[in-house]
Amino acid sequence: MDMSLLKYLTTETVTPELKGTNKKEIIEELLDIICKTGKVKDREAALEAILARENKMSTGMENEIAIPHGKTDAVEELVACVGISKKPIEFNSLDGKPCRIFIMTISPSHRTGPHIQFLSEISALLRSESKRKRLLEAKDPQTILQVLSEPA
């Protein structure tokens, strides 16, 4: 089933310019982007859910990608954002390499469907080396959305 990532992402929730220099700063920065949507009722609860998930097992994947995420009643529907960092960030990744592409999702505690689907769609998308390269080179939110919206 093809679920459009763009249903969850807008130019306001993607950035080519993350400023954070470590894992915690990046997570806080991504969360701030998501909070700007007005869909997070409790930032602290959301942060706690994301950090708890991160402490269980790092969400740093392979190929410079990290997918910090959490489930909390602070949101009523899945919210997401994408951030690119010019500098590699140490994220305890599976492949031991730092991350530069960050995709955060926060979803309601009681619903798993959209969350799982979003994550699988993202991972399929980012298996493409040319897409990753283009994301890392993106200068503006529009370009990021364009790359993400092309079929994997």
Foldseek 3Di string as FASTA:
>chain_A
DDDFPVVADDLLQEEAAQDDAEDLSSLLVNLVSQVVVVQFQDSVQQSVQQVVVCVVDFQAEPPQEGEGEGAAQRGAAKHKGKYFHLDFYQGVYPVRGGHGIYMYIYGHPVDDVVVVVSVVLVVVLVVDPVLVVQSNVDDGSVSVSVSSRDHD
